[in-house]
Amino acid sequence: MSRLEELKKSLFVGTIMYRKEIRKKILKVIVLLNCVLFFYAVLNNMPSMVLYILNMYYLYNYLTKEYPEEGFKIKDRFKGMDK
């Protein structure tokens, strides 16, 4: 394939992309595809997010039930100092 034939093919593709109607339709398709891919990614990661939230919830409950004296309280390191 010569360089002239490659130039003719790229010129043909360029003229198609330059037309406003075709360009608008291609952009709409790309935006819809991006939306579909975004929702697909959210749904794919949803089970792992739910498992993480449940895991943190049960860990927090276990820690507060088993070790209530520790808990998550503010340290009293500076208890006797004036502000």
Protein backbone atom coordinates (compact mmCIF):
# COMPACT_ATOMS: atom_id res chain seq x y z
CA MET A 1 0.00 0.00 0.00
CA SER A 2 1.48 3.29 -1.00
CA ARG A 3 1.44 6.47 1.00
CA LEU A 4 -0.99 8.04 -1.45
CA GLU A 5 -3.56 5.29 -0.85
CA GLU A 6 -3.17 5.68 2.94
CA LEU A 7 -3.68 9.42 2.56
CA LYS A 8 -6.83 8.87 0.50
CA LYS A 9 -8.26 6.52 3.16
CA SER A 10 -7.49 8.93 5.99
CA LEU A 11 -8.97 11.79 3.96
CA PHE A 12 -12.17 9.76 3.48
CA VAL A 13 -12.42 9.07 7.21
CA GLY A 14 -11.70 12.75 7.93
CA THR A 15 -14.51 13.93 5.63
CA ILE A 16 -16.95 11.54 7.33
CA MET A 17 -15.92 12.77 10.79
CA TYR A 18 -16.19 16.38 9.65
CA ARG A 19 -19.88 16.13 8.87
CA LYS A 20 -21.80 17.59 11.75
CA GLU A 21 -24.68 15.11 11.78
CA ILE A 22 -22.42 12.06 11.85
CA ARG A 23 -20.15 13.65 14.44
CA LYS A 24 -23.13 14.41 16.71
CA LYS A 25 -24.43 10.85 16.43
CA ILE A 26 -21.01 9.37 17.17
CA LEU A 27 -20.63 11.64 20.21
CA LYS A 28 -24.08 10.62 21.49
CA VAL A 29 -23.19 6.95 21.10
CA ILE A 30 -19.90 7.49 22.94
CA VAL A 31 -21.64 9.32 25.81
CA LEU A 32 -24.24 6.54 26.12
CA LEU A 33 -21.50 3.91 26.07
CA ASN A 34 -19.63 5.78 28.82
CA CYS A 35 -22.79 5.88 30.96
CA VAL A 36 -23.36 2.16 30.46
CA LEU A 37 -19.74 1.38 31.33
CA PHE A 38 -19.94 3.58 34.45
CA PHE A 39 -23.05 1.80 35.75
CA TYR A 40 -21.50 -1.57 34.90
CA ALA A 41 -18.41 -0.67 36.93
CA VAL A 42 -20.55 0.46 39.89
CA LEU A 43 -22.57 -2.76 39.81
CA ASN A 44 -19.41 -4.85 39.54
CA ASN A 45 -17.90 -3.21 42.62
CA MET A 46 -21.13 -3.12 44.62
CA PRO A 47 -20.75 -6.57 46.28
CA SER A 48 -17.25 -5.77 47.48
CA MET A 49 -18.38 -2.38 48.85
CA VAL A 50 -21.28 -4.03 50.70
CA LEU A 51 -18.98 -6.70 52.12
CA TYR A 52 -16.53 -4.04 53.29
CA ILE A 53 -19.26 -2.02 55.02
CA LEU A 54 -20.70 -5.13 56.70
CA ASN A 55 -17.23 -6.20 57.79
CA MET A 56 -16.49 -2.81 59.37
CA TYR A 57 -19.90 -2.77 61.07
CA TYR A 58 -19.42 -6.20 62.66
CA LEU A 59 -15.81 -5.45 63.61
CA TYR A 60 -16.85 -2.23 65.32
CA ASN A 61 -19.67 -4.00 67.19
CA TYR A 62 -17.33 -6.81 68.25
CA LEU A 63 -14.68 -4.39 69.52
CA THR A 64 -17.14 -2.30 71.52
CA LYS A 65 -18.78 -5.43 72.98
CA GLU A 66 -15.61 -7.36 73.86
CA TYR A 67 -13.42 -4.46 74.95
CA PRO A 68 -15.69 -1.71 76.26
CA GLU A 69 -12.94 -0.18 78.42
CA GLU A 70 -10.80 0.46 75.34
CA GLY A 71 -13.43 1.66 72.90
CA PHE A 72 -12.83 4.58 70.63
CA LYS A 73 -12.57 7.38 73.15
CA ILE A 74 -10.48 10.52 73.02
CA LYS A 75 -7.11 10.05 74.64
CA ASP A 76 -6.65 11.99 77.85
CA ARG A 77 -2.97 12.57 77.22
CA PHE A 78 -3.25 16.30 77.93
CA LYS A 79 -5.77 15.97 80.76
CA GLY A 80 -4.06 18.17 83.36
CA MET A 81 -2.75 20.84 80.96
CA ASP A 82 -4.31 24.24 80.49
CA LYS A 83 -5.35 25.29 77.04
